[in-house]
């Protein structure tokens, strides 16, 4: 009897140890995947916005106008946006590890070749291939989410999304390389960094067969989400919080140079006050979305950023007032510190908003995260592509640089109106459902 009890206790202890070891192994895999995903996405994002810095000396060398510069800076954003949907579908089907690894390898040679480009069309063509790095988001966000429970997905995706801070890496690193060695050194360094990142990523990440969708799921089944109006609403939100972030990340260095007379290093450093916190704070936005709900966070994001964008829209102008002592001239406009402070608040709000939109997605589409994130990421990225071009066109058309913020303010108002209509529709639907139950 005692022997049987001893064997039973030993088996129970052994079983507990096995479960504990399995949990520890899974926890290790979670942290390793999250860490490498975030690191790889940071490098990819830094590459994605590379032309925001090296495009400035290229613009001077080629004699480009504002619209042409906008197209140059935005070209990688176009291809990186368009590739997000198929990448999201492939991630669901084949797994994030292999898709992410191959994606990084495909960008290394085009990045390096930028250093040898001499004509405008060379940069545009290579920019399309470099832009593939921006598609890393739809791979990594799905790959990350599937490793965590629903209660922790918002925070985990927020940490991954902090890789947006790669834009700040470019703001800090690229100007120094440009000044010290010329702009051609930037793509050479970034190509080497991408190669090292791809090797480290493959060495320290893992795959789980259960994370893949069934092979019986067709492309038509995956794309059925395009018929859902809520998906398009999230696309519009993301076009503001992410598209606006990318657009201003590409635009603000040159904006500070032209509007406030800074040199390229100072302009990039000040622009990083907007870029860096907006990327890093995304993890906190994920935590807030887990705790208070995605809708609440997104609503506050739109109201706060909208108010700041309204103030940023005010152009510099002079007012002449006729007094008893004759005409008196007064200059009206935001000084650089007030301007940067408002831009900082916008960046923080958008950082929260980028996390809350994807919390919406993980809550409502848990089995289709890759495709939905690909769709929403595609539209958000297209916003980042179109906005710098529109910024440049508005400056060429009006001569007023703050028209960029006027455009963003108008887009935010559209988001708030759409949010109001959606909330009103949900309340009506809830009342009808309640009435049916009572009957």
Protein backbone atom coordinates (compact mmCIF):
# COMPACT_ATOMS: atom_id res chain seq x y z
CA UNK A 1 0.00 0.00 0.00
CA UNK A 2 2.76 2.39 0.99
CA UNK A 3 4.69 1.50 -2.15
CA UNK A 4 1.65 2.25 -4.32
CA UNK A 5 1.14 5.62 -2.60
CA UNK A 6 4.83 6.42 -3.07
CA UNK A 7 4.67 5.57 -6.79
CA UNK A 8 1.52 7.70 -7.16
CA UNK A 9 3.16 10.65 -5.42
CA UNK A 10 6.29 10.27 -7.54
CA UNK A 11 4.23 10.22 -10.74
CA UNK A 12 2.29 13.31 -9.64
CA UNK A 13 5.53 15.13 -8.82
CA UNK A 14 7.05 14.12 -12.15
CA UNK A 15 3.91 15.30 -13.97
CA UNK A 16 4.04 18.64 -12.18
CA UNK A 17 7.70 19.07 -13.09
CA UNK A 18 6.98 18.27 -16.74
CA UNK A 19 4.14 20.81 -16.85
CA UNK A 20 6.29 23.43 -15.12
CA UNK A 21 9.15 22.79 -17.54
CA UNK A 22 6.75 23.01 -20.50
CA UNK A 23 5.32 26.29 -19.20
CA UNK A 24 8.83 27.66 -18.68
CA UNK A 25 9.81 26.61 -22.21
CA UNK A 26 6.70 28.23 -23.68
CA UNK A 27 7.34 31.39 -21.67
CA UNK A 28 10.92 31.48 -22.96
CA UNK A 29 9.67 31.13 -26.53
CA UNK A 30 7.13 33.92 -26.00
CA UNK A 31 9.74 36.35 -24.75
CA UNK A 32 12.30 35.39 -27.38
CA UNK A 33 9.81 35.77 -30.23
CA UNK A 34 8.52 39.08 -28.88
CA UNK A 35 12.04 40.45 -28.39
CA UNK A 36 13.31 39.46 -31.83
CA UNK A 37 10.08 40.50 -33.54
CA UNK A 38 10.33 43.96 -32.00
CA UNK A 39 14.04 44.30 -32.81
CA UNK A 40 13.58 43.16 -36.41
CA UNK A 41 10.61 45.48 -36.91
CA UNK A 42 12.62 48.40 -35.52
CA UNK A 43 15.37 47.80 -38.09
CA UNK A 44 12.82 47.35 -40.90
CA UNK A 45 11.07 50.59 -39.96
CA UNK A 46 14.36 52.50 -39.85
CA UNK A 47 15.08 51.29 -43.39
CA UNK A 48 11.52 52.06 -44.51
CA UNK A 49 11.84 55.80 -43.72
CA UNK A 50 15.48 56.12 -44.82
CA UNK A 51 14.64 58.59 -47.61
CA UNK A 52 13.27 61.09 -45.09
CA UNK A 53 16.92 61.93 -44.32
CA UNK A 54 19.00 60.96 -47.35
CA UNK A 55 16.28 62.40 -49.59
CA UNK A 56 17.25 65.91 -48.45
CA UNK A 57 20.78 65.92 -49.98
CA UNK A 58 19.41 63.92 -52.95
CA UNK A 59 16.76 66.63 -53.47
CA UNK A 60 19.46 69.31 -53.51
CA UNK A 61 21.70 67.32 -55.86
CA UNK A 62 18.92 66.56 -58.36
CA UNK A 63 17.13 69.92 -58.04
CA UNK A 64 13.77 68.40 -57.06
CA UNK A 65 10.71 70.44 -56.09
CA UNK A 66 8.58 69.79 -52.99
CA UNK A 67 6.17 67.41 -54.73
CA UNK A 68 9.02 65.38 -56.23
CA UNK A 69 10.65 65.12 -52.81
CA UNK A 70 7.33 63.95 -51.36
CA UNK A 71 7.11 61.23 -54.02
CA UNK A 72 10.71 60.16 -53.37
CA UNK A 73 10.19 59.90 -49.60
CA UNK A 74 6.84 58.15 -50.01
CA UNK A 75 7.71 55.57 -52.68
CA UNK A 76 8.93 52.93 -50.16
CA UNK A 77 5.73 53.53 -48.19
CA UNK A 78 3.64 52.58 -51.25
CA UNK A 79 5.18 49.15 -51.82
CA UNK A 80 5.40 48.47 -48.07
CA UNK A 81 1.68 49.18 -47.80
CA UNK A 82 0.53 47.18 -50.81
CA UNK A 83 2.48 44.09 -49.73
CA UNK A 84 0.92 44.02 -46.26
CA UNK A 85 -2.27 42.19 -47.22
CA UNK A 86 -0.59 39.26 -49.03
CA UNK A 87 2.05 39.09 -46.28
CA UNK A 88 -0.69 38.89 -43.66
CA UNK A 89 -2.37 36.06 -45.59
CA UNK A 90 0.94 34.18 -45.99
CA UNK A 91 1.65 34.62 -42.27
CA UNK A 92 -1.66 33.02 -41.38
CA UNK A 93 -0.95 30.17 -43.80
CA UNK A 94 2.80 29.49 -43.52
CA UNK A 95 3.76 31.03 -40.18
CA UNK A 96 5.39 34.32 -39.24
CA UNK A 97 8.94 33.07 -38.76
CA UNK A 98 9.67 31.96 -42.33
CA UNK A 99 7.76 34.86 -43.93
CA UNK A 100 9.55 37.50 -41.83
CA UNK A 101 12.98 35.94 -42.50
CA UNK A 102 12.53 35.77 -46.28
CA UNK A 103 11.15 39.31 -46.33
CA UNK A 104 14.26 40.72 -44.68
CA UNK A 105 16.58 38.83 -47.02
CA UNK A 106 14.76 40.25 -50.06
CA UNK A 107 15.54 43.85 -49.05
CA UNK A 108 19.30 43.65 -48.43
CA UNK A 109 20.57 44.02 -52.02
CA UNK A 110 18.17 46.87 -53.00
CA UNK A 111 19.14 48.79 -49.85
CA UNK A 112 22.84 48.56 -50.73
CA UNK A 113 22.27 49.52 -54.39
CA UNK A 114 20.80 52.88 -53.34
CA UNK A 115 24.37 53.99 -52.60
CA UNK A 116 25.20 53.63 -56.32
CA UNK A 117 22.04 55.32 -57.70
CA UNK A 118 22.48 58.56 -59.65
CA UNK A 119 19.16 59.35 -61.37
CA UNK A 120 15.74 60.15 -59.93
CA UNK A 121 14.17 57.05 -61.45
CA UNK A 122 16.92 54.89 -59.91
CA UNK A 123 15.85 56.01 -56.45
CA UNK A 124 12.16 55.52 -57.19
CA UNK A 125 12.69 51.99 -58.52
CA UNK A 126 14.93 50.91 -55.66
CA UNK A 127 12.57 52.61 -53.21
CA UNK A 128 9.81 50.22 -54.28
CA UNK A 129 11.98 47.22 -53.32
CA UNK A 130 13.20 48.82 -50.10
CA UNK A 131 9.58 49.47 -49.18
CA UNK A 132 9.04 45.73 -48.72
CA UNK A 133 10.64 46.20 -45.29
CA UNK A 134 7.55 48.14 -44.26
CA UNK A 135 5.43 45.06 -44.85
CA UNK A 136 7.11 43.51 -41.81
CA UNK A 137 4.38 44.98 -39.64
CA UNK A 138 1.55 42.74 -40.83
CA UNK A 139 3.82 39.70 -40.43
CA UNK A 140 5.11 40.58 -36.98
CA UNK A 141 1.82 41.75 -35.46
CA UNK A 142 0.10 38.46 -36.32
CA UNK A 143 3.15 36.37 -35.38
CA UNK A 144 3.32 38.16 -32.00
CA UNK A 145 -0.41 38.00 -31.21
CA UNK A 146 -0.64 34.25 -31.69
CA UNK A 147 1.92 33.62 -28.95
CA UNK A 148 -0.17 35.36 -26.26
CA UNK A 149 -3.59 35.00 -24.65
CA UNK A 150 -6.37 37.45 -25.45
CA UNK A 151 -5.92 39.18 -22.08
CA UNK A 152 -2.29 40.00 -22.88
CA UNK A 153 -2.42 40.48 -26.63
CA UNK A 154 -2.92 44.24 -26.48
CA UNK A 155 0.21 44.77 -24.37
CA UNK A 156 2.29 42.30 -26.43
CA UNK A 157 1.23 43.87 -29.73
CA UNK A 158 1.95 47.29 -28.24
CA UNK A 159 5.51 46.24 -27.38
CA UNK A 160 5.98 44.91 -30.91
CA UNK A 161 4.50 48.09 -32.38
CA UNK A 162 7.09 50.12 -30.47
CA UNK A 163 9.33 49.11 -33.35
CA UNK A 164 7.88 52.23 -35.00
CA UNK A 165 10.67 53.91 -33.07
CA UNK A 166 12.91 52.74 -35.91
CA UNK A 167 11.95 56.06 -37.48
CA UNK A 168 13.69 57.77 -34.57
CA UNK A 169 16.75 55.56 -35.09
CA UNK A 170 16.98 56.98 -38.60
CA UNK A 171 16.52 60.51 -37.22
CA UNK A 172 19.45 60.03 -34.83
CA UNK A 173 21.82 57.89 -36.92
CA UNK A 174 21.36 58.89 -40.55
CA UNK A 175 22.12 62.65 -40.26
CA UNK A 176 25.43 61.90 -38.51
CA UNK A 177 26.40 59.45 -41.25
CA UNK A 178 25.39 61.97 -43.93
CA UNK A 179 27.51 64.73 -42.40
CA UNK A 180 30.52 62.51 -41.65
CA UNK A 181 30.66 60.25 -44.74
CA UNK A 182 28.04 61.45 -47.23
CA UNK A 183 24.52 60.14 -47.80
CA UNK A 184 25.83 57.08 -49.68
CA UNK A 185 27.07 55.59 -46.39
CA UNK A 186 23.55 55.32 -44.94
CA UNK A 187 22.24 52.56 -47.27
CA UNK A 188 25.53 50.64 -46.90
CA UNK A 189 25.22 50.61 -43.10
CA UNK A 190 21.52 49.75 -43.25
CA UNK A 191 22.11 46.82 -45.64
CA UNK A 192 24.66 45.35 -43.23
CA UNK A 193 22.29 45.89 -40.30
CA UNK A 194 19.47 44.12 -42.12
CA UNK A 195 21.68 41.08 -42.86
CA UNK A 196 22.75 40.76 -39.21
CA UNK A 197 19.15 41.20 -38.06
CA UNK A 198 17.88 38.44 -40.36
CA UNK A 199 20.48 36.00 -39.03
CA UNK A 200 19.71 36.81 -35.38
CA UNK A 201 15.97 36.59 -36.04
CA UNK A 202 16.23 33.08 -37.49
CA UNK A 203 18.46 31.94 -34.61
CA UNK A 204 16.23 33.14 -31.77
CA UNK A 205 12.64 32.65 -32.96
CA UNK A 206 10.34 29.62 -33.06
CA UNK A 207 7.38 28.19 -34.95
CA UNK A 208 4.13 26.62 -33.72
CA UNK A 209 2.05 24.56 -36.13
CA UNK A 210 -1.13 25.47 -34.21
CA UNK A 211 -0.62 29.15 -35.12
CA UNK A 212 -1.32 28.49 -38.79
CA UNK A 213 -4.80 28.55 -40.30
CA UNK A 214 -6.28 25.39 -41.76
CA UNK A 215 -5.09 24.51 -45.25
CA UNK A 216 -8.76 24.22 -46.22
CA UNK A 217 -9.19 27.98 -45.77
CA UNK A 218 -9.12 29.57 -49.24
CA UNK A 219 -8.03 33.02 -50.32
CA UNK A 220 -11.70 33.88 -50.92
CA UNK A 221 -12.49 32.91 -47.31
CA UNK A 222 -9.67 35.12 -46.05
CA UNK A 223 -10.73 38.11 -48.17
CA UNK A 224 -14.37 37.84 -47.06
CA UNK A 225 -13.44 40.33 -44.32
CA UNK A 226 -13.40 43.10 -46.95
CA UNK A 227 -17.21 43.03 -46.85
CA UNK A 228 -17.26 43.96 -43.15
CA UNK A 229 -17.90 47.73 -42.69
CA UNK A 230 -16.15 47.69 -39.30
CA UNK A 231 -12.89 46.73 -41.01
CA UNK A 232 -13.11 49.83 -43.19
CA UNK A 233 -13.80 51.99 -40.14
CA UNK A 234 -10.65 50.67 -38.49
CA UNK A 235 -8.80 51.34 -41.75
CA UNK A 236 -9.81 54.99 -41.60
CA UNK A 237 -8.71 55.30 -37.96
CA UNK A 238 -5.37 53.71 -38.76
CA UNK A 239 -4.85 55.92 -41.79
CA UNK A 240 -4.82 58.82 -39.30
CA UNK A 241 -2.83 57.44 -36.38
CA UNK A 242 -0.32 55.42 -38.41
CA UNK A 243 -0.50 57.07 -41.83
CA UNK A 244 -0.21 60.47 -40.19
CA UNK A 245 2.71 59.25 -38.08
CA UNK A 246 4.59 57.94 -41.11
CA UNK A 247 3.74 61.01 -43.19
CA UNK A 248 5.01 63.44 -40.56
CA UNK A 249 8.06 61.24 -39.84
CA UNK A 250 9.03 61.65 -43.49
CA UNK A 251 8.15 65.34 -43.60
CA UNK A 252 9.15 66.97 -40.30
CA UNK A 253 12.94 67.10 -40.73
CA UNK A 254 12.58 69.16 -43.89
CA UNK A 255 9.73 71.15 -42.29
CA UNK A 256 12.00 72.28 -39.43
CA UNK A 257 14.77 73.15 -41.89
CA UNK A 258 12.49 75.34 -44.02
CA UNK A 259 10.20 76.78 -41.35
CA UNK A 260 12.65 77.40 -38.50
CA UNK A 261 16.03 77.47 -40.28
CA UNK A 262 17.64 74.46 -38.55
CA UNK A 263 20.50 72.45 -40.04
CA UNK A 264 19.83 68.80 -40.91
CA UNK A 265 21.17 67.31 -37.67
CA UNK A 266 19.29 69.75 -35.40
CA UNK A 267 16.12 69.40 -37.47
CA UNK A 268 16.25 65.59 -37.28
CA UNK A 269 16.92 65.70 -33.54
CA UNK A 270 13.96 67.99 -32.86
CA UNK A 271 11.74 65.93 -35.16
CA UNK A 272 12.64 62.87 -33.06
CA UNK A 273 10.76 64.48 -30.16
CA UNK A 274 7.63 63.57 -32.11
CA UNK A 275 8.85 60.34 -33.69
CA UNK A 276 10.48 58.48 -30.77
CA UNK A 277 7.81 58.79 -28.03
CA UNK A 278 5.03 58.00 -30.49
CA UNK A 279 6.72 54.71 -31.32
CA UNK A 280 7.78 53.68 -27.82
CA UNK A 281 4.52 54.67 -26.07
CA UNK A 282 2.56 52.16 -28.14
CA UNK A 283 3.13 49.47 -25.49
CA UNK A 284 1.36 51.63 -22.90
CA UNK A 285 -1.44 52.18 -25.40
CA UNK A 286 -1.84 48.41 -25.65
CA UNK A 287 -2.05 48.11 -21.86
CA UNK A 288 -4.65 50.90 -21.65
CA UNK A 289 -6.68 49.22 -24.39
CA UNK A 290 -6.59 45.94 -22.46
CA UNK A 291 -7.78 47.70 -19.32
CA UNK A 292 -10.28 50.33 -20.50
CA UNK A 293 -11.31 49.02 -23.91
CA UNK A 294 -10.17 49.83 -27.43
CA UNK A 295 -13.14 52.10 -28.21
CA UNK A 296 -12.59 54.37 -25.21
CA UNK A 297 -8.88 54.81 -25.96
CA UNK A 298 -9.46 55.45 -29.67
CA UNK A 299 -12.13 58.07 -28.91
CA UNK A 300 -9.82 60.04 -26.61
CA UNK A 301 -6.99 59.75 -29.14
CA UNK A 302 -9.07 61.40 -31.87
CA UNK A 303 -10.32 64.25 -29.66
CA UNK A 304 -6.89 65.12 -28.21
CA UNK A 305 -4.98 64.87 -31.50
CA UNK A 306 -7.73 66.82 -33.30
CA UNK A 307 -7.43 69.75 -30.88
CA UNK A 308 -3.65 69.88 -31.22
CA UNK A 309 -3.79 69.62 -35.03
CA UNK A 310 -6.19 72.56 -35.13
CA UNK A 311 -3.61 74.73 -33.32
CA UNK A 312 -0.75 73.41 -35.47
CA UNK A 313 -2.75 74.43 -38.56
CA UNK A 314 -2.34 78.13 -37.71
CA UNK A 315 0.12 79.59 -40.27
CA UNK A 316 2.67 82.29 -39.56
CA UNK A 317 1.31 85.70 -40.58
CA UNK A 318 1.62 89.41 -39.76
CA UNK A 319 -1.22 91.60 -38.54
CA UNK A 320 -1.17 95.36 -39.00
CA UNK A 321 -3.29 97.24 -36.47
CA UNK A 322 -4.06 100.93 -36.98
CA UNK A 323 -3.58 102.80 -33.69
CA UNK A 324 -3.62 106.47 -32.68
CA UNK A 325 0.14 106.42 -33.05
CA UNK A 326 0.02 104.90 -36.53
CA UNK A 327 0.07 101.33 -37.86
CA UNK A 328 1.55 98.65 -35.59
CA UNK A 329 2.68 95.30 -36.99
CA UNK A 330 2.41 92.10 -34.99
CA UNK A 331 3.66 88.65 -35.96
CA UNK A 332 1.33 85.73 -35.23
CA UNK A 333 2.51 82.13 -35.22
CA UNK A 334 3.70 79.29 -33.02
CA UNK A 335 7.30 79.48 -31.87
CA UNK A 336 9.36 76.33 -32.22
CA UNK A 337 8.90 75.20 -28.60
CA UNK A 338 5.11 75.56 -28.55
CA UNK A 339 4.93 73.94 -31.98
CA UNK A 340 7.10 71.00 -30.90
CA UNK A 341 5.17 70.55 -27.66
CA UNK A 342 1.87 70.28 -29.53
CA UNK A 343 3.47 67.88 -32.00
CA UNK A 344 4.74 65.80 -29.07
CA UNK A 345 1.19 65.48 -27.70
CA UNK A 346 -0.08 64.43 -31.14
CA UNK A 347 2.65 61.78 -31.29
CA UNK A 348 1.73 60.39 -27.86
CA UNK A 349 -1.97 60.28 -28.78
CA UNK A 350 -1.28 58.55 -32.09
CA UNK A 351 1.00 56.06 -30.29
CA UNK A 352 -1.96 55.06 -28.10
CA UNK A 353 -4.23 55.01 -31.15
CA UNK A 354 -1.99 52.65 -33.12
CA UNK A 355 -2.28 50.14 -30.28
CA UNK A 356 -6.02 50.59 -29.68
CA UNK A 357 -6.92 49.98 -33.35
CA UNK A 358 -5.16 46.62 -33.31
CA UNK A 359 -6.74 45.77 -29.97
CA UNK A 360 -10.07 46.18 -31.79
CA UNK A 361 -8.84 43.68 -34.37
CA UNK A 362 -7.55 41.05 -31.92
CA UNK A 363 -10.81 41.25 -29.96
CA UNK A 364 -13.16 40.96 -32.91
CA UNK A 365 -11.16 38.80 -35.35
CA UNK A 366 -9.09 36.37 -33.20
CA UNK A 367 -8.91 33.70 -35.91
CA UNK A 368 -8.20 36.06 -38.80
CA UNK A 369 -5.66 38.47 -37.33
CA UNK A 370 -3.15 38.20 -40.18
CA UNK A 371 -5.59 39.09 -42.94
CA UNK A 372 -7.39 41.86 -41.02
CA UNK A 373 -4.12 43.40 -39.84
CA UNK A 374 -2.89 43.20 -43.43
CA UNK A 375 -5.95 45.07 -44.72
CA UNK A 376 -5.85 47.73 -42.00
CA UNK A 377 -2.05 48.04 -42.25
CA UNK A 378 -2.30 48.39 -46.03
CA UNK A 379 -4.73 51.32 -45.79
CA UNK A 380 -2.74 52.92 -42.97
CA UNK A 381 0.44 52.58 -45.01
CA UNK A 382 -1.24 54.07 -48.07
CA UNK A 383 -2.08 57.04 -45.88
CA UNK A 384 1.62 57.32 -45.09
CA UNK A 385 2.37 57.15 -48.82
CA UNK A 386 -0.18 59.73 -49.96
CA UNK A 387 0.26 62.27 -47.18
CA UNK A 388 3.85 63.41 -47.97
CA UNK A 389 2.88 63.82 -51.63
CA UNK A 390 -0.19 65.80 -50.63
CA UNK A 391 1.88 67.87 -48.19
CA UNK A 392 4.29 68.78 -50.99
CA UNK A 393 1.50 69.52 -53.45
CA UNK A 394 -0.26 71.78 -50.94
CA UNK A 395 2.96 73.70 -50.26
CA UNK A 396 3.62 74.10 -54.00
CA UNK A 397 0.01 75.20 -54.50
CA UNK A 398 -0.47 77.55 -51.54
CA UNK A 399 3.04 78.34 -50.29
CA UNK A 400 1.78 77.67 -46.73
CA UNK A 401 3.60 74.86 -44.91
CA UNK A 402 0.99 74.44 -42.15
CA UNK A 403 -1.49 73.16 -44.75
CA UNK A 404 -0.09 69.71 -43.85
CA UNK A 405 -1.71 70.01 -40.42
CA UNK A 406 -4.90 71.44 -41.89
CA UNK A 407 -5.22 68.28 -43.97
CA UNK A 408 -4.63 66.04 -40.94
CA UNK A 409 -7.13 68.01 -38.86
CA UNK A 410 -9.82 67.57 -41.52
CA UNK A 411 -9.12 63.83 -41.69
CA UNK A 412 -9.41 63.55 -37.89
CA UNK A 413 -12.81 65.27 -38.01
CA UNK A 414 -13.95 62.61 -40.50
CA UNK A 415 -12.83 59.89 -38.05
CA UNK A 416 -14.76 61.48 -35.19
CA UNK A 417 -17.91 61.78 -37.30
CA UNK A 418 -17.64 58.15 -38.44
CA UNK A 419 -17.09 57.08 -34.82
CA UNK A 420 -20.24 58.96 -33.79
CA UNK A 421 -22.32 57.31 -36.53
CA UNK A 422 -21.01 53.86 -35.60
CA UNK A 423 -21.78 54.38 -31.91
CA UNK A 424 -25.27 55.63 -32.73
CA UNK A 425 -25.90 52.60 -34.95
CA UNK A 426 -24.71 50.22 -32.23
CA UNK A 427 -27.05 51.83 -29.68
CA UNK A 428 -30.03 51.47 -32.04
CA UNK A 429 -29.10 47.83 -32.71
CA UNK A 430 -28.82 47.17 -28.96
CA UNK A 431 -32.27 48.69 -28.30
CA UNK A 432 -33.87 46.58 -31.06
CA UNK A 433 -32.20 43.45 -29.73
CA UNK A 434 -33.38 44.23 -26.19
CA UNK A 435 -36.95 44.81 -27.44
CA UNK A 436 -36.91 41.46 -29.26
CA UNK A 437 -35.80 39.68 -26.09
CA UNK A 438 -38.54 41.32 -24.02
CA UNK A 439 -41.16 40.30 -26.55
